[in-house]
Amino acid sequence: LYTGSDFMIIDFEGEPARPLAERRQKRSALQDVAGMLRSFH
C-alpha cells in the first residue's frame, strides 16, 4: 500500500490455501521476489 509518502506491506499470514505448518517454515526470500514478479504479469 502507498501512503502518499511511503509504502506499507500487509497480510503476513502467508498463502491462505497452504497449511499453517507449511506457511511457518523458513524459505528462500526469492519466493517473495518471484511472487512480485508474477504480480507484474
Full PDB file with SEQRES, HELIX, SHEET, SSBOND, CRYST1, ORIGX, SCALE, CONECT and MASTER records, all heavy atoms in Angstrom:
SEQRES   1 A   41  LEU TYR THR GLY SER ASP PHE MET ILE ILE ASP PHE GLU          
SEQRES   2 A   41  GLY GLU PRO ALA ARG PRO LEU ALA GLU ARG ARG GLN LYS          
SEQRES   3 A   41  ARG SER ALA LEU GLN ASP VAL ALA GLY MET LEU ARG SER          
SEQRES   4 A   41  PHE HIS                                                      
HELIX    1 AA1 LEU A   20  ARG A   23  1                                   4    
HELIX    2 AA2 LEU A   30  PHE A   40  1                                  11    
CRYST1    1.000    1.000    1.000  90.00  90.00  90.00 P 1           1          
ORIGX1      1.000000  0.000000  0.000000        0.00000                         
ORIGX2      0.000000  1.000000  0.000000        0.00000                         
ORIGX3      0.000000  0.000000  1.000000        0.00000                         
SCALE1      1.000000  0.000000  0.000000        0.00000                         
SCALE2      0.000000  1.000000  0.000000        0.00000                         
SCALE3      0.000000  0.000000  1.000000        0.00000                         
ATOM      1  N   LEU A   1       0.832  -1.197   0.000  1.00  0.00           N  
ATOM      2  CA  LEU A   1       0.000   0.000   0.000  1.00  0.00           C  
ATOM      3  C   LEU A   1       0.868   1.250   0.000  1.00  0.00           C  
ATOM      4  O   LEU A   1       1.853   1.324   0.750  1.00  0.00           O  
ATOM      5  CB  LEU A   1      -0.917   0.022   1.229  1.00  0.00           C  
ATOM      6  CG  LEU A   1      -1.795  -1.211   1.447  1.00  0.00           C  
ATOM      7  CD1 LEU A   1      -2.631  -1.045   2.711  1.00  0.00           C  
ATOM      8  CD2 LEU A   1      -2.695  -1.457   0.243  1.00  0.00           C  
ATOM      9  N   TYR A   2       0.497   2.236  -0.816  1.00  0.00           N  
ATOM     10  CA  TYR A   2       1.216   3.505  -0.857  1.00  0.00           C  
ATOM     11  C   TYR A   2       0.490   4.502   0.031  1.00  0.00           C  
ATOM     12  O   TYR A   2      -0.703   4.744  -0.144  1.00  0.00           O  
ATOM     13  CB  TYR A   2       1.294   4.013  -2.295  1.00  0.00           C  
ATOM     14  CG  TYR A   2       2.052   5.309  -2.440  1.00  0.00           C  
ATOM     15  CD1 TYR A   2       3.363   5.432  -1.966  1.00  0.00           C  
ATOM     16  CD2 TYR A   2       1.471   6.408  -3.053  1.00  0.00           C  
ATOM     17  CE1 TYR A   2       4.066   6.610  -2.106  1.00  0.00           C  
ATOM     18  CE2 TYR A   2       2.173   7.597  -3.198  1.00  0.00           C  
ATOM     19  CZ  TYR A   2       3.463   7.696  -2.725  1.00  0.00           C  
ATOM     20  OH  TYR A   2       4.163   8.872  -2.858  1.00  0.00           O  
ATOM     21  N   THR A   3       1.201   5.089   0.994  1.00  0.00           N  
ATOM     22  CA  THR A   3       0.577   6.004   1.956  1.00  0.00           C  
ATOM     23  C   THR A   3       0.582   7.447   1.485  1.00  0.00           C  
ATOM     24  O   THR A   3      -0.029   8.309   2.102  1.00  0.00           O  
ATOM     25  CB  THR A   3       1.315   5.944   3.302  1.00  0.00           C  
ATOM     26  OG1 THR A   3       2.638   6.487   3.131  1.00  0.00           O  
ATOM     27  CG2 THR A   3       1.392   4.524   3.828  1.00  0.00           C  
ATOM     28  N   GLY A   4       1.277   7.728   0.406  1.00  0.00           N  
ATOM     29  CA  GLY A   4       1.455   9.098  -0.048  1.00  0.00           C  
ATOM     30  C   GLY A   4       2.892   9.553   0.122  1.00  0.00           C  
ATOM     31  O   GLY A   4       3.368  10.423  -0.597  1.00  0.00           O  
ATOM     32  N   SER A   5       3.581   8.942   1.094  1.00  0.00           N  
ATOM     33  CA  SER A   5       4.987   9.273   1.314  1.00  0.00           C  
ATOM     34  C   SER A   5       5.852   8.035   1.525  1.00  0.00           C  
ATOM     35  O   SER A   5       7.070   8.131   1.584  1.00  0.00           O  
ATOM     36  CB  SER A   5       5.132  10.183   2.538  1.00  0.00           C  
ATOM     37  OG  SER A   5       4.612   9.540   3.693  1.00  0.00           O  
ATOM     38  N   ASP A   6       5.215   6.873   1.648  1.00  0.00           N  
ATOM     39  CA  ASP A   6       5.955   5.645   1.911  1.00  0.00           C  
ATOM     40  C   ASP A   6       5.114   4.457   1.458  1.00  0.00           C  
ATOM     41  O   ASP A   6       3.973   4.624   1.016  1.00  0.00           O  
ATOM     42  CB  ASP A   6       6.267   5.530   3.406  1.00  0.00           C  
ATOM     43  CG  ASP A   6       7.425   4.595   3.694  1.00  0.00           C  
ATOM     44  OD1 ASP A   6       7.947   3.966   2.745  1.00  0.00           O  
ATOM     45  OD2 ASP A   6       7.816   4.491   4.871  1.00  0.00           O  
ATOM     46  N   PHE A   7       5.670   3.258   1.591  1.00  0.00           N  
ATOM     47  CA  PHE A   7       4.951   2.038   1.258  1.00  0.00           C  
ATOM     48  C   PHE A   7       4.810   1.179   2.500  1.00  0.00           C  
ATOM     49  O   PHE A   7       5.721   1.117   3.331  1.00  0.00           O  
ATOM     50  CB  PHE A   7       5.687   1.249   0.161  1.00  0.00           C  
ATOM     51  CG  PHE A   7       5.674   1.932  -1.173  1.00  0.00           C  
ATOM     52  CD1 PHE A   7       6.692   2.804  -1.528  1.00  0.00           C  
ATOM     53  CD2 PHE A   7       4.640   1.705  -2.062  1.00  0.00           C  
ATOM     54  CE1 PHE A   7       6.683   3.431  -2.762  1.00  0.00           C  
ATOM     55  CE2 PHE A   7       4.622   2.329  -3.299  1.00  0.00           C  
ATOM     56  CZ  PHE A   7       5.642   3.192  -3.646  1.00  0.00           C  
ATOM     57  N   MET A   8       3.674   0.520   2.637  1.00  0.00           N  
ATOM     58  CA  MET A   8       3.436  -0.411   3.733  1.00  0.00           C  
ATOM     59  C   MET A   8       3.107  -1.778   3.155  1.00  0.00           C  
ATOM     60  O   MET A   8       2.364  -1.877   2.180  1.00  0.00           O  
ATOM     61  CB  MET A   8       2.277   0.065   4.615  1.00  0.00           C  
ATOM     62  CG  MET A   8       2.537   1.371   5.327  1.00  0.00           C  
ATOM     63  SD  MET A   8       1.149   1.857   6.370  1.00  0.00           S  
ATOM     64  CE  MET A   8       1.181   0.539   7.571  1.00  0.00           C  
ATOM     65  N   ILE A   9       3.662  -2.823   3.757  1.00  0.00           N  
ATOM     66  CA  ILE A   9       3.395  -4.192   3.340  1.00  0.00           C  
ATOM     67  C   ILE A   9       2.466  -4.823   4.362  1.00  0.00           C  
ATOM     68  O   ILE A   9       2.685  -4.706   5.571  1.00  0.00           O  
ATOM     69  CB  ILE A   9       4.704  -4.999   3.219  1.00  0.00           C  
ATOM     70  CG1 ILE A   9       5.628  -4.339   2.186  1.00  0.00           C  
ATOM     71  CG2 ILE A   9       4.418  -6.446   2.828  1.00  0.00           C  
ATOM     72  CD1 ILE A   9       7.021  -4.922   2.136  1.00  0.00           C  
ATOM     73  N   ILE A  10       1.406  -5.480   3.895  1.00  0.00           N  
ATOM     74  CA  ILE A  10       0.374  -6.009   4.787  1.00  0.00           C  
ATOM     75  C   ILE A  10       0.221  -7.521   4.600  1.00  0.00           C  
ATOM     76  O   ILE A  10       0.809  -8.116   3.704  1.00  0.00           O  
ATOM     77  CB  ILE A  10      -0.985  -5.310   4.535  1.00  0.00           C  
ATOM     78  CG1 ILE A  10      -1.462  -5.558   3.079  1.00  0.00           C  
ATOM     79  CG2 ILE A  10      -0.881  -3.804   4.820  1.00  0.00           C  
ATOM     80  CD1 ILE A  10      -2.890  -5.106   2.818  1.00  0.00           C  
ATOM     81  N   ASP A  11      -0.594  -8.123   5.468  1.00  0.00           N  
ATOM     82  CA  ASP A  11      -1.027  -9.525   5.363  1.00  0.00           C  
ATOM     83  C   ASP A  11       0.142 -10.509   5.355  1.00  0.00           C  
ATOM     84  O   ASP A  11       0.423 -11.160   4.351  1.00  0.00           O  
ATOM     85  CB  ASP A  11      -1.895  -9.744   4.117  1.00  0.00           C  
ATOM     86  CG  ASP A  11      -3.259  -9.081   4.249  1.00  0.00           C  
ATOM     87  OD1 ASP A  11      -3.606  -8.668   5.366  1.00  0.00           O  
ATOM     88  OD2 ASP A  11      -3.963  -8.984   3.244  1.00  0.00           O  
ATOM     89  N   PHE A  12       0.770 -10.666   6.490  1.00  0.00           N  
ATOM     90  CA  PHE A  12       1.933 -11.539   6.605  1.00  0.00           C  
ATOM     91  C   PHE A  12       1.569 -12.970   6.981  1.00  0.00           C  
ATOM     92  O   PHE A  12       2.431 -13.715   7.426  1.00  0.00           O  
ATOM     93  CB  PHE A  12       2.907 -10.965   7.642  1.00  0.00           C  
ATOM     94  CG  PHE A  12       3.712  -9.807   7.124  1.00  0.00           C  
ATOM     95  CD1 PHE A  12       3.200  -8.522   7.164  1.00  0.00           C  
ATOM     96  CD2 PHE A  12       4.974  -9.999   6.588  1.00  0.00           C  
ATOM     97  CE1 PHE A  12       3.941  -7.450   6.681  1.00  0.00           C  
ATOM     98  CE2 PHE A  12       5.719  -8.933   6.110  1.00  0.00           C  
ATOM     99  CZ  PHE A  12       5.200  -7.649   6.155  1.00  0.00           C  
ATOM    100  N   GLU A  13       0.315 -13.356   6.806  1.00  0.00           N  
ATOM    101  CA  GLU A  13      -0.070 -14.715   7.211  1.00  0.00           C  
ATOM    102  C   GLU A  13       0.289 -15.774   6.181  1.00  0.00           C  
ATOM    103  O   GLU A  13       0.071 -16.962   6.404  1.00  0.00           O  
ATOM    104  CB  GLU A  13      -1.573 -14.787   7.524  1.00  0.00           C  
ATOM    105  CG  GLU A  13      -2.485 -14.773   6.312  1.00  0.00           C  
ATOM    106  CD  GLU A  13      -2.860 -13.369   5.854  1.00  0.00           C  
ATOM    107  OE1 GLU A  13      -2.187 -12.411   6.267  1.00  0.00           O  
ATOM    108  OE2 GLU A  13      -3.823 -13.236   5.082  1.00  0.00           O  
ATOM    109  N   GLY A  14       0.823 -15.380   5.041  1.00  0.00           N  
ATOM    110  CA  GLY A  14       1.209 -16.341   4.014  1.00  0.00           C  
ATOM    111  C   GLY A  14       0.048 -16.690   3.101  1.00  0.00           C  
ATOM    112  O   GLY A  14      -1.040 -16.128   3.192  1.00  0.00           O  
ATOM    113  N   GLU A  15       0.309 -17.622   2.201  1.00  0.00           N  
ATOM    114  CA  GLU A  15      -0.708 -18.052   1.240  1.00  0.00           C  
ATOM    115  C   GLU A  15      -1.836 -18.782   1.970  1.00  0.00           C  
ATOM    116  O   GLU A  15      -1.627 -19.843   2.558  1.00  0.00           O  
ATOM    117  CB  GLU A  15      -0.070 -18.958   0.196  1.00  0.00           C  
ATOM    118  CG  GLU A  15      -1.032 -19.585  -0.779  1.00  0.00           C  
ATOM    119  CD  GLU A  15      -1.897 -18.575  -1.497  1.00  0.00           C  
ATOM    120  OE1 GLU A  15      -1.348 -17.683  -2.153  1.00  0.00           O  
ATOM    121  OE2 GLU A  15      -3.128 -18.685  -1.385  1.00  0.00           O  
ATOM    122  N   PRO A  16      -3.057 -18.238   1.952  1.00  0.00           N  
ATOM    123  CA  PRO A  16      -4.157 -18.826   2.729  1.00  0.00           C  
ATOM    124  C   PRO A  16      -4.484 -20.272   2.364  1.00  0.00           C  
ATOM    125  O   PRO A  16      -4.975 -21.025   3.206  1.00  0.00           O  
ATOM    126  CB  PRO A  16      -5.339 -17.899   2.423  1.00  0.00           C  
ATOM    127  CG  PRO A  16      -4.731 -16.616   1.975  1.00  0.00           C  
ATOM    128  CD  PRO A  16      -3.452 -16.989   1.292  1.00  0.00           C  
ATOM    129  N   ALA A  17      -4.212 -20.675   1.133  1.00  0.00           N  
ATOM    130  CA  ALA A  17      -4.564 -22.026   0.703  1.00  0.00           C  
ATOM    131  C   ALA A  17      -3.579 -23.083   1.213  1.00  0.00           C  
ATOM    132  O   ALA A  17      -3.869 -24.274   1.135  1.00  0.00           O  
ATOM    133  CB  ALA A  17      -4.648 -22.094  -0.819  1.00  0.00           C  
ATOM    134  N   ARG A  18      -2.438 -22.655   1.751  1.00  0.00           N  
ATOM    135  CA  ARG A  18      -1.438 -23.604   2.234  1.00  0.00           C  
ATOM    136  C   ARG A  18      -1.654 -23.888   3.724  1.00  0.00           C  
ATOM    137  O   ARG A  18      -2.073 -23.006   4.472  1.00  0.00           O  
ATOM    138  CB  ARG A  18      -0.025 -23.068   2.006  1.00  0.00           C  
ATOM    139  CG  ARG A  18       0.335 -22.879   0.539  1.00  0.00           C  
ATOM    140  CD  ARG A  18       1.784 -22.433   0.410  1.00  0.00           C  
ATOM    141  NE  ARG A  18       2.123 -22.076  -0.959  1.00  0.00           N  
ATOM    142  CZ  ARG A  18       2.570 -22.920  -1.869  1.00  0.00           C  
ATOM    143  NH1 ARG A  18       2.716 -24.188  -1.545  1.00  0.00           N  
ATOM    144  NH2 ARG A  18       2.872 -22.517  -3.084  1.00  0.00           N  
ATOM    145  N   PRO A  19      -1.341 -25.097   4.185  1.00  0.00           N  
ATOM    146  CA  PRO A  19      -1.480 -25.409   5.613  1.00  0.00           C  
ATOM    147  C   PRO A  19      -0.608 -24.491   6.463  1.00  0.00           C  
ATOM    148  O   PRO A  19       0.467 -24.056   6.029  1.00  0.00           O  
ATOM    149  CB  PRO A  19      -1.004 -26.858   5.707  1.00  0.00           C  
ATOM    150  CG  PRO A  19      -1.076 -27.396   4.313  1.00  0.00           C  
ATOM    151  CD  PRO A  19      -0.869 -26.238   3.393  1.00  0.00           C  
ATOM    152  N   LEU A  20      -1.056 -24.212   7.686  1.00  0.00           N  
ATOM    153  CA  LEU A  20      -0.334 -23.306   8.565  1.00  0.00           C  
ATOM    154  C   LEU A  20       1.097 -23.786   8.826  1.00  0.00           C  
ATOM    155  O   LEU A  20       2.040 -22.992   8.819  1.00  0.00           O  
ATOM    156  CB  LEU A  20      -1.086 -23.148   9.895  1.00  0.00           C  
ATOM    157  CG  LEU A  20      -0.474 -22.154  10.885  1.00  0.00           C  
ATOM    158  CD1 LEU A  20      -0.383 -20.768  10.273  1.00  0.00           C  
ATOM    159  CD2 LEU A  20      -1.310 -22.123  12.166  1.00  0.00           C  
ATOM    160  N   ALA A  21       1.270 -25.084   9.041  1.00  0.00           N  
ATOM    161  CA  ALA A  21       2.613 -25.617   9.305  1.00  0.00           C  
ATOM    162  C   ALA A  21       3.549 -25.342   8.133  1.00  0.00           C  
ATOM    163  O   ALA A  21       4.736 -25.046   8.320  1.00  0.00           O  
ATOM    164  CB  ALA A  21       2.530 -27.113   9.579  1.00  0.00           C  
ATOM    165  N   GLU A  22       3.024 -25.420   6.920  1.00  0.00           N  
ATOM    166  CA  GLU A  22       3.833 -25.150   5.731  1.00  0.00           C  
ATOM    167  C   GLU A  22       4.166 -23.671   5.634  1.00  0.00           C  
ATOM    168  O   GLU A  22       5.280 -23.286   5.268  1.00  0.00           O  
ATOM    169  CB  GLU A  22       3.059 -25.600   4.491  1.00  0.00           C  
ATOM    170  CG  GLU A  22       3.872 -25.598   3.222  1.00  0.00           C  
ATOM    171  CD  GLU A  22       3.099 -26.161   2.044  1.00  0.00           C  
ATOM    172  OE1 GLU A  22       2.322 -27.115   2.235  1.00  0.00           O  
ATOM    173  OE2 GLU A  22       3.267 -25.633   0.923  1.00  0.00           O  
ATOM    174  N   ARG A  23       3.205 -22.811   5.995  1.00  0.00           N  
ATOM    175  CA  ARG A  23       3.431 -21.367   5.918  1.00  0.00           C  
ATOM    176  C   ARG A  23       4.469 -20.896   6.935  1.00  0.00           C  
ATOM    177  O   ARG A  23       5.111 -19.873   6.733  1.00  0.00           O  
ATOM    178  CB  ARG A  23       2.119 -20.609   6.156  1.00  0.00           C  
ATOM    179  CG  ARG A  23       1.152 -20.688   4.993  1.00  0.00           C  
ATOM    180  CD  ARG A  23      -0.053 -19.834   5.258  1.00  0.00           C  
ATOM    181  NE  ARG A  23      -1.189 -20.621   5.714  1.00  0.00           N  
ATOM    182  CZ  ARG A  23      -2.272 -20.114   6.295  1.00  0.00           C  
ATOM    183  NH1 ARG A  23      -2.345 -18.826   6.521  1.00  0.00           N  
ATOM    184  NH2 ARG A  23      -3.264 -20.881   6.670  1.00  0.00           N  
ATOM    185  N   ARG A  24       4.623 -21.622   8.022  1.00  0.00           N  
ATOM    186  CA  ARG A  24       5.551 -21.205   9.072  1.00  0.00           C  
ATOM    187  C   ARG A  24       6.992 -21.619   8.782  1.00  0.00           C  
ATOM    188  O   ARG A  24       7.912 -21.171   9.461  1.00  0.00           O  
ATOM    189  CB  ARG A  24       5.111 -21.801  10.415  1.00  0.00           C  
ATOM    190  CG  ARG A  24       3.788 -21.248  10.909  1.00  0.00           C  
ATOM    191  CD  ARG A  24       3.373 -21.894  12.207  1.00  0.00           C  
ATOM    192  NE  ARG A  24       4.349 -21.621  13.267  1.00  0.00           N  
ATOM    193  CZ  ARG A  24       4.314 -22.199  14.462  1.00  0.00           C  
ATOM    194  NH1 ARG A  24       3.390 -23.095  14.739  1.00  0.00           N  
ATOM    195  NH2 ARG A  24       5.227 -21.900  15.381  1.00  0.00           N  
ATOM    196  N   GLN A  25       7.206 -22.461   7.810  1.00  0.00           N  
ATOM    197  CA  GLN A  25       8.559 -22.920   7.506  1.00  0.00           C  
ATOM    198  C   GLN A  25       9.428 -21.783   6.961  1.00  0.00           C  
ATOM    199  O   GLN A  25       8.938 -20.910   6.243  1.00  0.00           O  
ATOM    200  CB  GLN A  25       8.515 -24.052   6.472  1.00  0.00           C  
ATOM    201  CG  GLN A  25       7.883 -25.331   6.986  1.00  0.00           C  
ATOM    202  CD  GLN A  25       7.740 -26.374   5.899  1.00  0.00           C  
ATOM    203  OE1 GLN A  25       8.058 -26.127   4.738  1.00  0.00           O  
ATOM    204  NE2 GLN A  25       7.259 -27.540   6.268  1.00  0.00           N  
ATOM    205  N   LYS A  26      10.695 -21.829   7.295  1.00  0.00           N  
ATOM    206  CA  LYS A  26      11.634 -20.868   6.719  1.00  0.00           C  
ATOM    207  C   LYS A  26      11.874 -21.232   5.258  1.00  0.00           C  
ATOM    208  O   LYS A  26      11.961 -22.407   4.914  1.00  0.00           O  
ATOM    209  CB  LYS A  26      12.947 -20.872   7.499  1.00  0.00           C  
ATOM    210  CG  LYS A  26      12.807 -20.290   8.894  1.00  0.00           C  
ATOM    211  CD  LYS A  26      14.152 -20.220   9.602  1.00  0.00           C  
ATOM    212  CE  LYS A  26      13.984 -19.601  10.986  1.00  0.00           C  
ATOM    213  NZ  LYS A  26      15.282 -19.499  11.692  1.00  0.00           N  
ATOM    214  N   ARG A  27      11.975 -20.209   4.429  1.00  0.00           N  
ATOM    215  CA  ARG A  27      12.089 -20.423   2.990  1.00  0.00           C  
ATOM    216  C   ARG A  27      13.075 -19.430   2.393  1.00  0.00           C  
ATOM    217  O   ARG A  27      13.549 -18.520   3.057  1.00  0.00           O  
ATOM    218  CB  ARG A  27      10.719 -20.261   2.323  1.00  0.00           C  
ATOM    219  CG  ARG A  27       9.683 -21.244   2.834  1.00  0.00           C  
ATOM    220  CD  ARG A  27       8.355 -21.076   2.116  1.00  0.00           C  
ATOM    221  NE  ARG A  27       7.422 -22.090   2.569  1.00  0.00           N  
ATOM    222  CZ  ARG A  27       7.366 -23.333   2.116  1.00  0.00           C  
ATOM    223  NH1 ARG A  27       8.208 -23.721   1.184  1.00  0.00           N  
ATOM    224  NH2 ARG A  27       6.481 -24.187   2.584  1.00  0.00           N  
ATOM    225  N   SER A  28      13.293 -19.577   1.105  1.00  0.00           N  
ATOM    226  CA  SER A  28      14.136 -18.624   0.384  1.00  0.00           C  
ATOM    227  C   SER A  28      13.372 -17.316   0.167  1.00  0.00           C  
ATOM    228  O   SER A  28      12.192 -17.316  -0.217  1.00  0.00           O  
ATOM    229  CB  SER A  28      14.532 -19.202  -0.982  1.00  0.00           C  
ATOM    230  OG  SER A  28      15.109 -18.190  -1.786  1.00  0.00           O  
ATOM    231  N   ALA A  29      14.068 -16.207   0.395  1.00  0.00           N  
ATOM    232  CA  ALA A  29      13.469 -14.894   0.140  1.00  0.00           C  
ATOM    233  C   ALA A  29      13.086 -14.727  -1.327  1.00  0.00           C  
ATOM    234  O   ALA A  29      12.226 -13.910  -1.672  1.00  0.00           O  
ATOM    235  CB  ALA A  29      14.442 -13.796   0.558  1.00  0.00           C  
ATOM    236  N   LEU A  30      13.708 -15.509  -2.208  1.00  0.00           N  
ATOM    237  CA  LEU A  30      13.399 -15.400  -3.631  1.00  0.00           C  
ATOM    238  C   LEU A  30      11.986 -15.875  -3.958  1.00  0.00           C  
ATOM    239  O   LEU A  30      11.465 -15.559  -5.026  1.00  0.00           O  
ATOM    240  CB  LEU A  30      14.427 -16.189  -4.451  1.00  0.00           C  
ATOM    241  CG  LEU A  30      15.824 -15.559  -4.486  1.00  0.00           C  
ATOM    242  CD1 LEU A  30      16.821 -16.487  -5.137  1.00  0.00           C  
ATOM    243  CD2 LEU A  30      15.796 -14.203  -5.191  1.00  0.00           C  
ATOM    244  N   GLN A  31      11.346 -16.596  -3.055  1.00  0.00           N  
ATOM    245  CA  GLN A  31       9.944 -16.946  -3.283  1.00  0.00           C  
ATOM    246  C   GLN A  31       9.074 -15.693  -3.281  1.00  0.00           C  
ATOM    247  O   GLN A  31       8.145 -15.570  -4.084  1.00  0.00           O  
ATOM    248  CB  GLN A  31       9.447 -17.941  -2.243  1.00  0.00           C  
ATOM    249  CG  GLN A  31       9.945 -19.349  -2.498  1.00  0.00           C  
ATOM    250  CD  GLN A  31       9.244 -20.369  -1.624  1.00  0.00           C  
ATOM    251  OE1 GLN A  31       9.634 -20.577  -0.480  1.00  0.00           O  
ATOM    252  NE2 GLN A  31       8.236 -21.004  -2.161  1.00  0.00           N  
ATOM    253  N   ASP A  32       9.369 -14.753  -2.375  1.00  0.00           N  
ATOM    254  CA  ASP A  32       8.634 -13.492  -2.374  1.00  0.00           C  
ATOM    255  C   ASP A  32       8.954 -12.659  -3.608  1.00  0.00           C  
ATOM    256  O   ASP A  32       8.081 -12.002  -4.187  1.00  0.00           O  
ATOM    257  CB  ASP A  32       8.947 -12.689  -1.111  1.00  0.00           C  
ATOM    258  CG  ASP A  32       8.160 -13.148   0.104  1.00  0.00           C  
ATOM    259  OD1 ASP A  32       7.168 -13.896  -0.068  1.00  0.00           O  
ATOM    260  OD2 ASP A  32       8.517 -12.749   1.228  1.00  0.00           O  
ATOM    261  N   VAL A  33      10.213 -12.679  -4.031  1.00  0.00           N  
ATOM    262  CA  VAL A  33      10.592 -11.956  -5.252  1.00  0.00           C  
ATOM    263  C   VAL A  33       9.822 -12.523  -6.446  1.00  0.00           C  
ATOM    264  O   VAL A  33       9.276 -11.775  -7.261  1.00  0.00           O  
ATOM    265  CB  VAL A  33      12.117 -12.058  -5.489  1.00  0.00           C  
ATOM    266  CG1 VAL A  33      12.497 -11.431  -6.832  1.00  0.00           C  
ATOM    267  CG2 VAL A  33      12.867 -11.380  -4.352  1.00  0.00           C  
ATOM    268  N   ALA A  34       9.746 -13.838  -6.529  1.00  0.00           N  
ATOM    269  CA  ALA A  34       9.001 -14.475  -7.620  1.00  0.00           C  
ATOM    270  C   ALA A  34       7.526 -14.088  -7.569  1.00  0.00           C  
ATOM    271  O   ALA A  34       6.903 -13.846  -8.605  1.00  0.00           O  
ATOM    272  CB  ALA A  34       9.150 -15.995  -7.547  1.00  0.00           C  
ATOM    273  N   GLY A  35       6.959 -14.023  -6.369  1.00  0.00           N  
ATOM    274  CA  GLY A  35       5.561 -13.625  -6.238  1.00  0.00           C  
ATOM    275  C   GLY A  35       5.312 -12.232  -6.782  1.00  0.00           C  
ATOM    276  O   GLY A  35       4.311 -11.986  -7.468  1.00  0.00           O  
ATOM    277  N   MET A  36       6.220 -11.303  -6.505  1.00  0.00           N  
ATOM    278  CA  MET A  36       6.041  -9.943  -7.011  1.00  0.00           C  
ATOM    279  C   MET A  36       6.229  -9.893  -8.527  1.00  0.00           C  
ATOM    280  O   MET A  36       5.480  -9.201  -9.226  1.00  0.00           O  
ATOM    281  CB  MET A  36       7.012  -8.985  -6.317  1.00  0.00           C  
ATOM    282  CG  MET A  36       6.816  -7.526  -6.701  1.00  0.00           C  
ATOM    283  SD  MET A  36       5.139  -6.890  -6.360  1.00  0.00           S  
ATOM    284  CE  MET A  36       5.184  -6.779  -4.575  1.00  0.00           C  
ATOM    285  N   LEU A  37       7.198 -10.621  -9.039  1.00  0.00           N  
ATOM    286  CA  LEU A  37       7.401 -10.646 -10.491  1.00  0.00           C  
ATOM    287  C   LEU A  37       6.178 -11.207 -11.208  1.00  0.00           C  
ATOM    288  O   LEU A  37       5.760 -10.691 -12.255  1.00  0.00           O  
ATOM    289  CB  LEU A  37       8.648 -11.463 -10.839  1.00  0.00           C  
ATOM    290  CG  LEU A  37       9.982 -10.850 -10.396  1.00  0.00           C  
ATOM    291  CD1 LEU A  37      11.121 -11.830 -10.619  1.00  0.00           C  
ATOM    292  CD2 LEU A  37      10.257  -9.537 -11.132  1.00  0.00           C  
ATOM    293  N   ARG A  38       5.580 -12.241 -10.659  1.00  0.00           N  
ATOM    294  CA  ARG A  38       4.357 -12.789 -11.247  1.00  0.00           C  
ATOM    295  C   ARG A  38       3.217 -11.773 -11.143  1.00  0.00           C  
ATOM    296  O   ARG A  38       2.353 -11.696 -12.027  1.00  0.00           O  
ATOM    297  CB  ARG A  38       3.968 -14.100 -10.555  1.00  0.00           C  
ATOM    298  CG  ARG A  38       4.904 -15.257 -10.791  1.00  0.00           C  
ATOM    299  CD  ARG A  38       4.937 -15.729 -12.238  1.00  0.00           C  
ATOM    300  NE  ARG A  38       3.598 -15.938 -12.745  1.00  0.00           N  
ATOM    301  CZ  ARG A  38       3.174 -15.512 -13.927  1.00  0.00           C  
ATOM    302  NH1 ARG A  38       3.988 -14.865 -14.746  1.00  0.00           N  
ATOM    303  NH2 ARG A  38       1.925 -15.748 -14.310  1.00  0.00           N  
ATOM    304  N   SER A  39       3.212 -10.991 -10.083  1.00  0.00           N  
ATOM    305  CA  SER A  39       2.165  -9.986  -9.904  1.00  0.00           C  
ATOM    306  C   SER A  39       2.226  -8.907 -10.990  1.00  0.00           C  
ATOM    307  O   SER A  39       1.198  -8.403 -11.440  1.00  0.00           O  
ATOM    308  CB  SER A  39       2.305  -9.344  -8.519  1.00  0.00           C  
ATOM    309  OG  SER A  39       1.247  -8.460  -8.246  1.00  0.00           O  
ATOM    310  N   PHE A  40       3.433  -8.570 -11.433  1.00  0.00           N  
ATOM    311  CA  PHE A  40       3.564  -7.598 -12.532  1.00  0.00           C  
ATOM    312  C   PHE A  40       2.921  -8.149 -13.804  1.00  0.00           C  
ATOM    313  O   PHE A  40       2.314  -7.401 -14.585  1.00  0.00           O  
ATOM    314  CB  PHE A  40       5.032  -7.267 -12.786  1.00  0.00           C  
ATOM    315  CG  PHE A  40       5.719  -6.558 -11.647  1.00  0.00           C  
ATOM    316  CD1 PHE A  40       7.052  -6.800 -11.373  1.00  0.00           C  
ATOM    317  CD2 PHE A  40       5.035  -5.654 -10.848  1.00  0.00           C  
ATOM    318  CE1 PHE A  40       7.690  -6.161 -10.327  1.00  0.00           C  
ATOM    319  CE2 PHE A  40       5.665  -5.003  -9.794  1.00  0.00           C  
ATOM    320  CZ  PHE A  40       6.996  -5.262  -9.533  1.00  0.00           C  
ATOM    321  N   HIS A  41       3.075  -9.452 -14.037  1.00  0.00           N  
ATOM    322  CA  HIS A  41       2.455 -10.085 -15.193  1.00  0.00           C  
ATOM    323  C   HIS A  41       0.939  -9.941 -15.120  1.00  0.00           C  
ATOM    324  O   HIS A  41       0.270  -9.601 -16.106  1.00  0.00           O  
ATOM    325  CB  HIS A  41       2.871 -11.560 -15.237  1.00  0.00           C  
ATOM    326  CG  HIS A  41       2.641 -12.225 -16.556  1.00  0.00           C  
ATOM    327  ND1 HIS A  41       2.803 -13.574 -16.746  1.00  0.00           N  
ATOM    328  CD2 HIS A  41       2.254 -11.742 -17.763  1.00  0.00           C  
ATOM    329  CE1 HIS A  41       2.529 -13.886 -18.006  1.00  0.00           C  
ATOM    330  NE2 HIS A  41       2.185 -12.797 -18.638  1.00  0.00           N  
TER     331      HIS A  41                                                      
MASTER        0    0    0    2    0    0    0    6  330    1    0    4          
END                                                                             
